[in-house]
Amino acid sequence: MDDINLHYRFLNWRRRIREIREVRAVRYQERYKRMLKNGDTLSYQGNSDEVGCYVAPRPLSKGNCYFEVTIIDTGVRGTIAVGLVPQYYKLDHQPGWLPHSIAYHADDGKLYNGNPVGQQFGPKCNRGDRIGCGIYADTFDAGLLTVFFTKNGKEVGSVVVPVAPDGLFPAIGMHSLGEEVRLDLQAEWGSEEEDSVMMVDSHEDEWARLYDVRVSGTLLEYVGKGKSIMDVGLAQARQPLTTRSHYFEVEIVDPGEKCYIALGLARRDYPKNRHPGWSRGSVAYHADDGKIFHGSGVGDQFGPRCFEGDIMGCGIMFPRDYVLDYEGKNTYRVQKFSILFTLLPMHT
């Protein structure tokens, strides 16, 4: 009899475990409507008369208190909203329109706090801009939450809201054809690790030289004629790579007609109408043919060709005993470095 009771207790225990797993699976499931989700990319799939909305599977918490959205395309109207909503928010409403939700809207720069009428809050956002949303964890236990929003890594403003019973979930809303964003639910806010990589903000003064290249947020766009070998666009950062900022990456959002994109390093006075790698004092990996150019107009086969969505990287492997050696008269002692290039392919 004891064996039978033990057997039934075991079966009942297994059933309860299965039920708990099923409840958790339903509870922590992302929800979206009139959107296409491809990896971390969300694109609007409605007819511009109906709202599309995405709600993340988990709420913000003390351990995960911030997320970011990068605008890939503003579409027809740029009606993109980023904010926080209850778990079972109605997916045919923009975040911020209904009670217990809050959102920063890109098209008008307004904050919508549980009301379809917004209040002026910050600047409008365009293609290439990063919109962030987070909570300050120090107010988490007081029954209220301080929600803040950022644009391109800089805080726009904050507002205090009541804590929802099940928490507040990251949400993105869209409302016109062509709108597309990239979602990063693991983004970090105010991390000291930012010092170890090259960070380029949305302002043109972060760039020492811009020639036939337009800056929009974190997006670089060629605006030259593109008719001859001399019609090259150049974007050169103001600061060189250092031991604390030794690596940077570029994602190919649009390859254009021929993907004539080059990523590399060049001397400060590099010619503005020459691709990196073509002239002395430069080295670059070229996306269109996968060749490396090192101070010459003739490249050597180096790696694969690159396509839309691929992420190219470039960095310097400084020796452990590296010291910046200045010899006077604006000259530095020549030292040898290992330069590395990386590629994260996104195409199949």
Protein backbone atom coordinates (compact mmCIF):
# COMPACT_ATOMS: atom_id res chain seq x y z
CA MET A 1 0.00 0.00 0.00
CA ASP A 2 2.81 2.36 0.83
CA ASP A 3 4.36 1.66 -2.57
CA ILE A 4 1.06 2.49 -4.31
CA ASN A 5 0.65 5.75 -2.38
CA LEU A 6 4.22 6.68 -3.16
CA HIS A 7 3.60 5.96 -6.85
CA TYR A 8 0.51 8.21 -6.95
CA ARG A 9 2.35 10.94 -5.07
CA PHE A 10 5.13 10.74 -7.64
CA LEU A 11 2.65 10.97 -10.56
CA ASN A 12 0.91 13.93 -8.89
CA TRP A 13 4.26 15.65 -8.37
CA ARG A 14 5.19 15.19 -12.05
CA ARG A 15 1.79 16.59 -13.12
CA ARG A 16 2.24 19.69 -10.94
CA ILE A 17 5.72 20.28 -12.31
CA ARG A 18 4.38 20.04 -15.88
CA GLU A 19 1.56 22.48 -15.09
CA ILE A 20 3.99 24.97 -13.57
CA ARG A 21 6.22 24.77 -16.67
CA GLU A 22 3.20 25.31 -18.93
CA VAL A 23 2.08 28.36 -16.94
CA ARG A 24 5.58 29.82 -17.04
CA ALA A 25 5.84 29.18 -20.78
CA VAL A 26 2.59 31.07 -21.37
CA ARG A 27 3.50 33.84 -18.94
CA TYR A 28 6.89 34.56 -20.45
CA GLN A 29 5.93 34.66 -24.11
CA GLU A 30 6.39 37.65 -26.38
CA ARG A 31 3.26 39.01 -28.02
CA TYR A 32 2.94 41.02 -31.22
CA LYS A 33 0.36 41.93 -33.84
CA ARG A 34 0.69 43.45 -37.33
CA MET A 35 4.44 43.08 -37.09
CA LEU A 36 7.01 40.78 -38.64
CA LYS A 37 9.77 39.68 -36.28
CA ASN A 38 13.03 38.49 -37.83
CA GLY A 39 15.65 37.96 -35.15
CA ASP A 40 15.92 41.28 -33.31
CA THR A 41 14.29 43.24 -36.17
CA LEU A 42 10.65 44.31 -36.06
CA SER A 43 8.82 45.68 -39.14
CA TYR A 44 5.28 46.98 -39.51
CA GLN A 45 2.91 44.73 -41.45
CA GLY A 46 -0.38 46.63 -41.32
CA ASN A 47 -2.13 48.96 -43.75
CA SER A 48 -1.29 52.24 -41.94
CA ASP A 49 -4.85 52.45 -40.57
CA GLU A 50 -4.21 49.97 -37.77
CA VAL A 51 -1.61 49.99 -35.03
CA GLY A 52 0.98 47.23 -34.73
CA CYS A 53 2.40 46.51 -31.29
CA TYR A 54 5.08 44.28 -29.77
CA VAL A 55 5.31 43.34 -26.06
CA ALA A 56 8.45 41.66 -24.72
CA PRO A 57 8.21 38.37 -22.80
CA ARG A 58 9.59 39.70 -19.51
CA PRO A 59 9.14 42.93 -17.55
CA LEU A 60 11.93 45.29 -16.62
CA SER A 61 13.45 44.50 -13.23
CA LYS A 62 16.33 45.48 -10.99
CA GLY A 63 18.62 43.11 -12.86
CA ASN A 64 17.39 44.06 -16.32
CA CYS A 65 16.26 47.67 -16.14
CA TYR A 66 16.85 49.11 -19.62
CA PHE A 67 16.32 48.41 -23.32
CA GLU A 68 16.92 50.22 -26.60
CA VAL A 69 15.38 50.44 -30.05
CA THR A 70 17.28 51.59 -33.15
CA ILE A 71 15.19 53.08 -35.94
CA ILE A 72 16.17 51.39 -39.20
CA ASP A 73 13.45 53.02 -41.29
CA THR A 74 10.82 55.62 -40.34
CA GLY A 75 8.51 54.51 -43.13
CA VAL A 76 5.75 56.85 -44.29
CA ARG A 77 5.10 58.74 -41.05
CA GLY A 78 7.66 57.59 -38.48
CA THR A 79 4.90 56.79 -35.97
CA ILE A 80 7.14 54.63 -33.77
CA ALA A 81 6.56 54.42 -30.03
CA VAL A 82 8.90 52.98 -27.39
CA GLY A 83 7.82 52.42 -23.81
CA LEU A 84 6.41 50.16 -21.11
CA VAL A 85 3.00 48.46 -20.87
CA PRO A 86 1.22 45.84 -18.75
CA GLN A 87 1.71 42.24 -19.81
CA TYR A 88 -1.65 41.81 -21.56
CA TYR A 89 -1.77 45.21 -23.20
CA LYS A 90 -4.13 45.51 -26.18
CA LEU A 91 -2.00 45.09 -29.29
CA ASP A 92 -4.11 47.39 -31.47
CA HIS A 93 -3.15 50.48 -29.43
CA GLN A 94 0.10 52.43 -29.35
CA PRO A 95 2.07 52.12 -26.09
CA GLY A 96 1.14 55.06 -23.88
CA TRP A 97 -2.42 55.42 -25.16
CA LEU A 98 -4.09 53.13 -22.59
CA PRO A 99 -3.97 53.31 -18.75
CA HIS A 100 -0.91 51.93 -16.95
CA SER A 101 1.29 52.38 -20.04
CA ILE A 102 3.85 55.01 -20.93
CA ALA A 103 5.80 55.70 -24.13
CA TYR A 104 8.00 58.18 -25.98
CA HIS A 105 6.77 58.73 -29.57
CA ALA A 106 9.36 59.31 -32.28
CA ASP A 107 7.18 61.21 -34.75
CA ASP A 108 6.30 64.15 -32.46
CA GLY A 109 8.69 63.82 -29.50
CA LYS A 110 5.76 63.62 -27.09
CA LEU A 111 5.31 61.50 -23.98
CA TYR A 112 2.08 59.52 -23.76
CA ASN A 113 1.26 58.47 -20.20
CA GLY A 114 -1.92 56.40 -20.19
CA ASN A 115 -3.63 58.91 -22.44
CA PRO A 116 -4.08 59.27 -26.23
CA VAL A 117 -3.18 62.95 -25.83
CA GLY A 118 0.56 63.40 -25.42
CA GLN A 119 2.65 66.06 -23.70
CA GLN A 120 5.73 67.65 -25.24
CA PHE A 121 8.71 65.77 -23.85
CA GLY A 122 11.77 65.61 -26.10
CA PRO A 123 13.10 65.89 -29.66
CA LYS A 124 11.68 63.99 -32.60
CA CYS A 125 13.57 60.87 -33.68
CA ASN A 126 14.65 59.86 -37.17
CA ARG A 127 16.32 57.03 -39.04
CA GLY A 128 19.44 55.82 -37.26
CA ASP A 129 18.46 57.21 -33.84
CA ARG A 130 18.46 54.99 -30.75
CA ILE A 131 15.55 55.35 -28.33
CA GLY A 132 16.08 53.87 -24.89
CA CYS A 133 13.70 53.25 -22.00
CA GLY A 134 14.54 52.19 -18.46
CA ILE A 135 13.66 52.30 -14.78
CA TYR A 136 15.67 53.48 -11.79
CA ALA A 137 15.95 50.46 -9.53
CA ASP A 138 16.28 52.52 -6.31
CA THR A 139 12.55 53.40 -6.43
CA PHE A 140 11.40 49.86 -7.18
CA ASP A 141 10.30 48.98 -3.63
CA ALA A 142 8.40 52.19 -2.89
CA GLY A 143 5.31 51.34 -4.94
CA LEU A 144 6.40 53.81 -7.62
CA LEU A 145 8.77 53.61 -10.55
CA THR A 146 10.84 56.34 -12.13
CA VAL A 147 10.77 55.65 -15.86
CA PHE A 148 13.33 57.45 -18.03
CA PHE A 149 13.87 57.73 -21.76
CA THR A 150 17.04 58.31 -23.78
CA LYS A 151 17.93 59.35 -27.29
CA ASN A 152 21.28 58.16 -28.67
CA GLY A 153 22.55 57.35 -25.19
CA LYS A 154 21.61 60.69 -23.58
CA GLU A 155 18.74 61.02 -21.14
CA VAL A 156 15.75 62.98 -22.44
CA GLY A 157 13.65 63.01 -19.26
CA SER A 158 11.88 60.92 -16.65
CA VAL A 159 8.47 60.49 -15.02
CA VAL A 160 7.18 58.68 -11.93
CA VAL A 161 4.48 56.04 -12.47
CA PRO A 162 2.77 53.45 -10.21
CA VAL A 163 4.19 49.94 -10.20
CA ALA A 164 1.92 47.50 -12.06
CA PRO A 165 1.12 44.19 -10.24
CA ASP A 166 2.89 42.08 -12.89
CA GLY A 167 5.51 44.69 -13.77
CA LEU A 168 5.96 46.83 -16.86
CA PHE A 169 6.99 45.15 -20.12
CA PRO A 170 9.06 46.72 -22.94
CA ALA A 171 6.83 47.59 -25.88
CA ILE A 172 7.18 49.00 -29.39
CA GLY A 173 4.36 50.41 -31.47
CA MET A 174 4.24 51.24 -35.20
CA HIS A 175 1.55 52.75 -37.38
CA SER A 176 2.70 53.31 -40.98
CA LEU A 177 4.09 51.35 -43.91
CA GLY A 178 7.84 50.83 -44.07
CA GLU A 179 8.58 51.34 -40.39
CA GLU A 180 11.32 49.06 -39.09
CA VAL A 181 13.38 48.94 -35.88
CA ARG A 182 16.04 46.83 -34.21
CA LEU A 183 15.33 45.79 -30.62
CA ASP A 184 18.00 45.25 -27.95
CA LEU A 185 16.49 43.91 -24.72
CA GLN A 186 19.96 43.41 -23.22
CA ALA A 187 21.17 46.99 -23.67
CA GLU A 188 23.04 48.58 -20.77
CA TRP A 189 22.65 52.09 -19.43
CA GLY A 190 25.51 53.95 -17.78
CA SER A 191 27.90 50.98 -18.02
CA GLU A 192 31.57 51.67 -17.40
CA GLU A 193 32.37 49.14 -20.12
CA GLU A 194 31.54 51.83 -22.67
CA ASP A 195 35.05 53.20 -22.16
CA SER A 196 36.57 50.10 -23.76
CA VAL A 197 34.98 50.53 -27.19
CA MET A 198 34.71 53.31 -29.71
CA MET A 199 31.42 55.14 -29.18
CA VAL A 200 30.14 57.54 -31.85
CA ASP A 201 27.10 59.60 -30.85
CA SER A 202 24.58 61.34 -33.05
CA HIS A 203 26.43 64.65 -33.31
CA GLU A 204 28.58 65.58 -36.26
CA ASP A 205 31.27 67.00 -33.96
CA GLU A 206 32.20 63.40 -33.08
CA TRP A 207 33.62 63.20 -36.59
CA ALA A 208 36.80 65.04 -37.54
CA ARG A 209 36.03 64.93 -41.24
CA LEU A 210 32.90 64.25 -43.26
CA TYR A 211 33.05 64.40 -47.04
CA ASP A 212 29.97 63.47 -49.08
CA VAL A 213 28.68 61.59 -46.04
CA ARG A 214 25.62 62.60 -44.02
CA VAL A 215 25.20 61.72 -40.34
CA SER A 216 21.76 60.90 -38.95
CA GLY A 217 21.92 59.48 -35.46
CA THR A 218 24.31 56.55 -35.70
CA LEU A 219 23.68 56.20 -39.42
CA LEU A 220 26.24 57.22 -42.06
CA GLU A 221 24.83 57.75 -45.54
CA TYR A 222 26.73 58.44 -48.77
CA VAL A 223 25.35 61.52 -50.54
CA GLY A 224 27.97 62.00 -53.29
CA LYS A 225 27.54 61.68 -57.04
CA GLY A 226 29.02 58.19 -57.32
CA LYS A 227 29.87 58.64 -60.99
CA SER A 228 33.67 58.27 -60.99
CA ILE A 229 36.51 56.81 -58.97
CA MET A 230 37.04 60.25 -57.43
CA ASP A 231 33.49 60.46 -56.03
CA VAL A 232 34.41 58.78 -52.74
CA GLY A 233 32.73 59.63 -49.45
CA LEU A 234 34.86 59.69 -46.30
CA ALA A 235 33.93 59.69 -42.61
CA GLN A 236 36.89 59.90 -40.23
CA ALA A 237 36.43 59.84 -36.47
CA ARG A 238 37.83 62.65 -34.36
CA GLN A 239 39.67 60.35 -31.95
CA PRO A 240 42.17 57.61 -32.89
CA LEU A 241 42.04 54.07 -31.56
CA THR A 242 43.83 53.69 -28.22
CA THR A 243 44.45 51.00 -25.62
CA ARG A 244 41.11 51.99 -24.00
CA SER A 245 39.19 52.36 -27.24
CA HIS A 246 40.72 49.82 -29.57
CA TYR A 247 37.83 48.42 -31.63
CA PHE A 248 34.79 49.58 -33.59
CA GLU A 249 32.06 48.05 -35.74
CA VAL A 250 29.86 49.05 -38.65
CA GLU A 251 26.62 47.38 -39.71
CA ILE A 252 25.65 47.50 -43.37
CA VAL A 253 22.07 48.78 -43.27
CA ASP A 254 21.86 49.33 -47.04
CA PRO A 255 24.62 48.21 -49.45
CA GLY A 256 23.45 50.56 -52.22
CA GLU A 257 24.04 49.58 -55.82
CA LYS A 258 27.49 47.98 -55.50
CA CYS A 259 28.33 47.92 -51.77
CA TYR A 260 31.43 50.07 -52.20
CA ILE A 261 31.95 50.21 -48.43
CA ALA A 262 35.40 50.16 -46.84
CA LEU A 263 36.22 49.88 -43.14
CA GLY A 264 39.66 50.51 -41.72
CA LEU A 265 42.23 52.89 -40.29
CA ALA A 266 43.91 55.91 -41.86
CA ARG A 267 46.28 58.72 -40.95
CA ARG A 268 44.80 62.02 -39.82
CA ASP A 269 45.47 63.89 -43.09
CA TYR A 270 44.17 61.11 -45.35
CA PRO A 271 42.94 62.29 -48.80
CA LYS A 272 39.20 62.91 -48.73
CA ASN A 273 38.55 61.45 -52.19
CA ARG A 274 40.30 58.11 -51.61
CA HIS A 275 38.88 54.95 -50.08
CA PRO A 276 40.65 53.84 -46.89
CA GLY A 277 43.43 51.46 -47.91
CA TRP A 278 44.08 53.02 -51.31
CA SER A 279 46.75 55.53 -50.19
CA ARG A 280 49.75 55.25 -47.87
CA GLY A 281 49.13 55.39 -44.16
CA SER A 282 45.92 53.39 -44.36
CA VAL A 283 44.57 49.86 -44.31
CA ALA A 284 41.01 48.71 -44.95
CA TYR A 285 38.74 45.74 -45.57
CA HIS A 286 36.47 46.33 -48.59
CA ALA A 287 32.97 44.91 -48.47
CA ASP A 288 32.30 44.65 -52.21
CA ASP A 289 35.12 42.21 -53.04
CA GLY A 290 36.38 40.96 -49.65
CA LYS A 291 39.88 42.28 -50.35
CA ILE A 292 42.26 44.08 -48.02
CA PHE A 293 43.92 47.25 -49.27
CA HIS A 294 47.08 48.40 -47.53
CA GLY A 295 48.36 51.67 -48.91
CA SER A 296 47.73 50.57 -52.47
CA GLY A 297 44.98 50.73 -55.07
CA VAL A 298 45.47 47.01 -55.66
CA GLY A 299 43.98 44.76 -53.00
CA ASP A 300 44.74 41.22 -51.88
CA GLN A 301 42.11 38.56 -51.29
CA PHE A 302 41.41 38.58 -47.58
CA GLY A 303 37.90 37.51 -46.58
CA PRO A 304 34.33 37.02 -47.78
CA ARG A 305 32.27 39.70 -49.46
CA CYS A 306 29.81 41.53 -47.23
CA PHE A 307 26.08 42.09 -47.65
CA GLU A 308 23.14 43.85 -46.07
CA GLY A 309 22.90 43.15 -42.35
CA ASP A 310 26.54 42.06 -42.00
CA ILE A 311 28.56 43.61 -39.19
CA MET A 312 32.17 44.52 -39.99
CA GLY A 313 34.68 45.28 -37.25
CA CYS A 314 38.20 46.69 -37.04
CA GLY A 315 40.60 46.96 -34.13
CA ILE A 316 44.20 47.11 -32.94
CA MET A 317 45.86 44.46 -30.80
CA PHE A 318 48.27 46.58 -28.78
CA PRO A 319 51.31 44.83 -27.28
CA ARG A 320 51.27 44.50 -23.51
CA ASP A 321 54.33 46.76 -23.15
CA TYR A 322 52.93 49.46 -25.45
CA VAL A 323 53.78 53.03 -24.46
CA LEU A 324 52.91 56.10 -26.54
CA ASP A 325 56.43 57.31 -27.34
CA TYR A 326 56.61 60.97 -28.32
CA GLU A 327 59.92 62.17 -29.77
CA GLY A 328 59.15 65.88 -30.09
CA LYS A 329 58.45 68.11 -33.10
CA ASN A 330 55.07 66.41 -33.58
CA THR A 331 56.67 63.05 -34.34
CA TYR A 332 56.22 59.67 -32.69
CA ARG A 333 58.46 56.64 -32.65
CA VAL A 334 57.28 54.08 -35.19
CA GLN A 335 55.85 50.97 -33.55
CA LYS A 336 54.32 47.83 -35.02
CA PHE A 337 50.79 46.68 -34.23
CA SER A 338 48.54 43.83 -35.19
CA ILE A 339 45.38 45.09 -36.89
CA LEU A 340 42.40 42.75 -36.90
CA PHE A 341 39.21 42.71 -38.93
CA THR A 342 36.04 40.85 -37.99
CA LEU A 343 32.86 39.94 -39.81
CA LEU A 344 29.54 38.79 -38.39
CA PRO A 345 27.57 37.63 -41.45
CA MET A 346 23.79 37.95 -41.24
CA HIS A 347 22.94 36.68 -44.72
CA THR A 348 22.33 33.03 -45.58
